[in-house]
Every structure is written in structure tokens, then in C-alpha cells.
Amino acid sequence: MINIKVNSNICGYKHKIHGEKKGKEISIDIKTGCKKIAQMSHLDVPMMKIFDIKDNYVTEKAHEAKACASCIVPSGVLHACNIEAGFISDTLAKKSKYVSIEFIDEDEESN
């Protein structure tokens, strides 16, 4: 079982993703204040539909929920699925602690 916190600082929402492998699916629950993400808060994700970026169960559900194109929650869900499926090491993920996107000034770019 995996628990992930997603901080969507730009839109002001915090989301908690809980994932658990059940047979050939990953059961996903998302606690969120976002109405769009709430539409995809209970998913049973087929493990064989998380590999491709275009033909992907999670991105399909995010599209159906009309999630913003820049929403990072689907990525968090995919991380949870990949960890539960054993495609990403749980130990490595917890050791790494987080992945991030940083917005930098031009002055910082040369460093």
C-alpha cells in the first residue's frame, strides 16, 4: 500500500492519494478539495493500462474529469500505480522523498 501527497501550489489544492494493489488492478482513492479531481477519486486502474502516455487509463480518467492540462495529480496517481505494481521501487521512492517541478528566473538558469 502506498500513500502520496500532491501539493498543487498554483491552484492551492493539496491531495492525498492512497493506492493498493488488488489482483491485476491498483485501487486508487484520492482525498481532495478539487471538484475536478474528486470525479476521479475512486479508480480501479488496470496494471496493463499505465504504460503508454496516450493510451493510459489514468490520463483517460483525468480527461473525462476535465482536469487542467497542467494538473500534476494524474502524475501522482501514476507514480502510486507504478510503485504498487512493482515498476518503481517503494524503497527508492520513499528514500527520494519527492519529485518536483521548479519555476526559475532567467538569472538562476545560468547556475
C-alpha atoms as a PDB file:
ATOM      1  CA  MET A   1       0.000   0.000   0.000  1.00  0.00           C
ATOM      2  CA  ILE A   2       1.285   3.486  -0.883  1.00  0.00           C
ATOM      3  CA  ASN A   3       0.303   6.950   0.278  1.00  0.00           C
ATOM      4  CA  ILE A   4       1.322  10.040  -1.675  1.00  0.00           C
ATOM      5  CA  LYS A   5       0.761  13.729  -1.013  1.00  0.00           C
ATOM      6  CA  VAL A   6       0.450  16.058  -4.016  1.00  0.00           C
ATOM      7  CA  ASN A   7       0.751  19.795  -3.414  1.00  0.00           C
ATOM      8  CA  SER A   8      -0.761  21.759  -6.275  1.00  0.00           C
ATOM      9  CA  ASN A   9       0.565  25.102  -5.092  1.00  0.00           C
ATOM     10  CA  ILE A  10      -0.525  27.061  -8.159  1.00  0.00           C
ATOM     11  CA  CYS A  11      -4.208  26.209  -7.732  1.00  0.00           C
ATOM     12  CA  GLY A  12      -3.974  25.932  -3.949  1.00  0.00           C
ATOM     13  CA  TYR A  13      -5.098  22.321  -3.522  1.00  0.00           C
ATOM     14  CA  LYS A  14      -3.464  19.539  -1.562  1.00  0.00           C
ATOM     15  CA  HIS A  15      -4.360  15.962  -2.475  1.00  0.00           C
ATOM     16  CA  LYS A  16      -3.752  12.657  -0.709  1.00  0.00           C
ATOM     17  CA  ILE A  17      -3.514   9.583  -2.915  1.00  0.00           C
ATOM     18  CA  HIS A  18      -3.853   6.100  -1.473  1.00  0.00           C
ATOM     19  CA  GLY A  19      -3.013   3.141  -3.712  1.00  0.00           C
ATOM     20  CA  GLU A  20      -3.282  -0.562  -3.089  1.00  0.00           C
ATOM     21  CA  LYS A  21      -2.663  -3.497  -5.425  1.00  0.00           C
ATOM     22  CA  LYS A  22      -5.666  -5.803  -5.697  1.00  0.00           C
ATOM     23  CA  GLY A  23      -5.044  -8.593  -8.175  1.00  0.00           C
ATOM     24  CA  LYS A  24      -4.344  -7.115 -11.609  1.00  0.00           C
ATOM     25  CA  GLU A  25      -5.618  -3.675 -10.625  1.00  0.00           C
ATOM     26  CA  ILE A  26      -4.475  -0.825  -8.422  1.00  0.00           C
ATOM     27  CA  SER A  27      -7.232   0.602  -6.266  1.00  0.00           C
ATOM     28  CA  ILE A  28      -6.787   4.375  -6.014  1.00  0.00           C
ATOM     29  CA  ASP A  29      -8.538   6.752  -3.626  1.00  0.00           C
ATOM     30  CA  ILE A  30      -7.889  10.487  -3.665  1.00  0.00           C
ATOM     31  CA  LYS A  31      -8.812  12.899  -0.880  1.00  0.00           C
ATOM     32  CA  THR A  32      -9.079  16.329  -2.477  1.00  0.00           C
ATOM     33  CA  GLY A  33     -10.890  19.633  -2.360  1.00  0.00           C
ATOM     34  CA  CYS A  34     -10.765  19.967  -6.155  1.00  0.00           C
ATOM     35  CA  LYS A  35     -14.117  19.191  -7.754  1.00  0.00           C
ATOM     36  CA  LYS A  36     -12.478  18.012 -10.985  1.00  0.00           C
ATOM     37  CA  ILE A  37     -10.078  15.608  -9.282  1.00  0.00           C
ATOM     38  CA  ALA A  38     -12.878  14.432  -6.975  1.00  0.00           C
ATOM     39  CA  GLN A  39     -14.556  12.990 -10.095  1.00  0.00           C
ATOM     40  CA  MET A  40     -11.653  10.569 -10.449  1.00  0.00           C
ATOM     41  CA  SER A  41     -11.138   9.938  -6.734  1.00  0.00           C
ATOM     42  CA  HIS A  42     -12.095   6.246  -6.765  1.00  0.00           C
ATOM     43  CA  LEU A  43     -10.379   4.280  -9.523  1.00  0.00           C
ATOM     44  CA  ASP A  44      -9.562   0.642 -10.152  1.00  0.00           C
ATOM     45  CA  VAL A  45      -6.632   1.023 -12.520  1.00  0.00           C
ATOM     46  CA  PRO A  46      -5.726  -1.971 -14.706  1.00  0.00           C
ATOM     47  CA  MET A  47      -1.961  -2.524 -14.347  1.00  0.00           C
ATOM     48  CA  MET A  48      -1.586  -3.115 -18.071  1.00  0.00           C
ATOM     49  CA  LYS A  49      -3.051   0.340 -18.867  1.00  0.00           C
ATOM     50  CA  ILE A  50      -0.453   2.533 -17.126  1.00  0.00           C
ATOM     51  CA  PHE A  51       2.493   2.231 -19.516  1.00  0.00           C
ATOM     52  CA  ASP A  52       1.704   4.427 -22.502  1.00  0.00           C
ATOM     53  CA  ILE A  53       1.295   8.193 -22.190  1.00  0.00           C
ATOM     54  CA  LYS A  54      -1.517   8.338 -24.777  1.00  0.00           C
ATOM     55  CA  ASP A  55      -3.415   5.086 -24.227  1.00  0.00           C
ATOM     56  CA  ASN A  56      -3.401   5.338 -20.458  1.00  0.00           C
ATOM     57  CA  TYR A  57      -6.270   4.650 -18.046  1.00  0.00           C
ATOM     58  CA  VAL A  58      -5.334   7.416 -15.593  1.00  0.00           C
ATOM     59  CA  THR A  59      -4.905  10.135 -18.209  1.00  0.00           C
ATOM     60  CA  GLU A  60      -8.172   8.996 -19.795  1.00  0.00           C
ATOM     61  CA  LYS A  61      -9.986   9.456 -16.455  1.00  0.00           C
ATOM     62  CA  ALA A  62      -8.296  12.868 -15.929  1.00  0.00           C
ATOM     63  CA  HIS A  63      -9.502  13.874 -19.401  1.00  0.00           C
ATOM     64  CA  GLU A  64     -13.059  12.731 -18.590  1.00  0.00           C
ATOM     65  CA  ALA A  65     -12.943  14.768 -15.347  1.00  0.00           C
ATOM     66  CA  LYS A  66     -11.772  17.793 -17.365  1.00  0.00           C
ATOM     67  CA  ALA A  67      -8.657  18.164 -15.225  1.00  0.00           C
ATOM     68  CA  CYS A  68      -6.431  21.075 -16.189  1.00  0.00           C
ATOM     69  CA  ALA A  69      -3.686  20.241 -18.682  1.00  0.00           C
ATOM     70  CA  SER A  70      -1.029  21.246 -16.143  1.00  0.00           C
ATOM     71  CA  CYS A  71      -2.550  19.248 -13.257  1.00  0.00           C
ATOM     72  CA  ILE A  72       0.094  17.116 -11.519  1.00  0.00           C
ATOM     73  CA  VAL A  73      -2.358  14.796  -9.755  1.00  0.00           C
ATOM     74  CA  PRO A  74      -2.518  12.289 -12.655  1.00  0.00           C
ATOM     75  CA  SER A  75       1.266  12.009 -12.433  1.00  0.00           C
ATOM     76  CA  GLY A  76       0.958  11.337  -8.702  1.00  0.00           C
ATOM     77  CA  VAL A  77      -1.644   8.646  -9.397  1.00  0.00           C
ATOM     78  CA  LEU A  78       0.639   7.055 -11.991  1.00  0.00           C
ATOM     79  CA  HIS A  79       3.528   7.078  -9.513  1.00  0.00           C
ATOM     80  CA  ALA A  80       1.294   5.335  -6.962  1.00  0.00           C
ATOM     81  CA  CYS A  81       0.260   2.748  -9.568  1.00  0.00           C
ATOM     82  CA  ASN A  82       3.841   2.110 -10.689  1.00  0.00           C
ATOM     83  CA  ILE A  83       5.026   1.684  -7.105  1.00  0.00           C
ATOM     84  CA  GLU A  84       2.182  -0.686  -6.236  1.00  0.00           C
ATOM     85  CA  ALA A  85       2.731  -2.668  -9.443  1.00  0.00           C
ATOM     86  CA  GLY A  86       6.434  -3.002  -8.590  1.00  0.00           C
ATOM     87  CA  PHE A  87       7.678  -0.973 -11.589  1.00  0.00           C
ATOM     88  CA  ILE A  88       9.164   1.686  -9.284  1.00  0.00           C
ATOM     89  CA  SER A  89      10.911   0.628  -6.082  1.00  0.00           C
ATOM     90  CA  ASP A  90       8.901   1.581  -2.990  1.00  0.00           C
ATOM     91  CA  THR A  91      12.155   1.874  -1.039  1.00  0.00           C
ATOM     92  CA  LEU A  92      13.750   4.128  -3.662  1.00  0.00           C
ATOM     93  CA  ALA A  93      10.620   6.302  -3.886  1.00  0.00           C
ATOM     94  CA  LYS A  94      10.489   6.776  -0.122  1.00  0.00           C
ATOM     95  CA  LYS A  95      14.246   7.448   0.007  1.00  0.00           C
ATOM     96  CA  SER A  96      13.933  10.038  -2.796  1.00  0.00           C
ATOM     97  CA  LYS A  97      11.020  11.575  -0.844  1.00  0.00           C
ATOM     98  CA  TYR A  98       9.593  13.660  -3.716  1.00  0.00           C
ATOM     99  CA  VAL A  99       9.712  14.656  -7.368  1.00  0.00           C
ATOM    100  CA  SER A 100       9.338  18.328  -8.241  1.00  0.00           C
ATOM    101  CA  ILE A 101       8.831  20.994 -10.854  1.00  0.00           C
ATOM    102  CA  GLU A 102      10.657  24.249 -10.247  1.00  0.00           C
ATOM    103  CA  PHE A 103       9.975  27.598 -11.875  1.00  0.00           C
ATOM    104  CA  ILE A 104      13.220  29.542 -12.160  1.00  0.00           C
ATOM    105  CA  ASP A 105      14.221  33.085 -13.045  1.00  0.00           C
ATOM    106  CA  GLU A 106      16.484  33.662 -16.056  1.00  0.00           C
ATOM    107  CA  ASP A 107      19.279  34.663 -13.641  1.00  0.00           C
ATOM    108  CA  GLU A 108      19.110  31.248 -11.970  1.00  0.00           C
ATOM    109  CA  GLU A 109      19.174  29.454 -15.330  1.00  0.00           C
ATOM    110  CA  SER A 110      22.912  30.077 -15.836  1.00  0.00           C
ATOM    111  CA  ASN A 111      23.800  28.450 -12.493  1.00  0.00           C
END
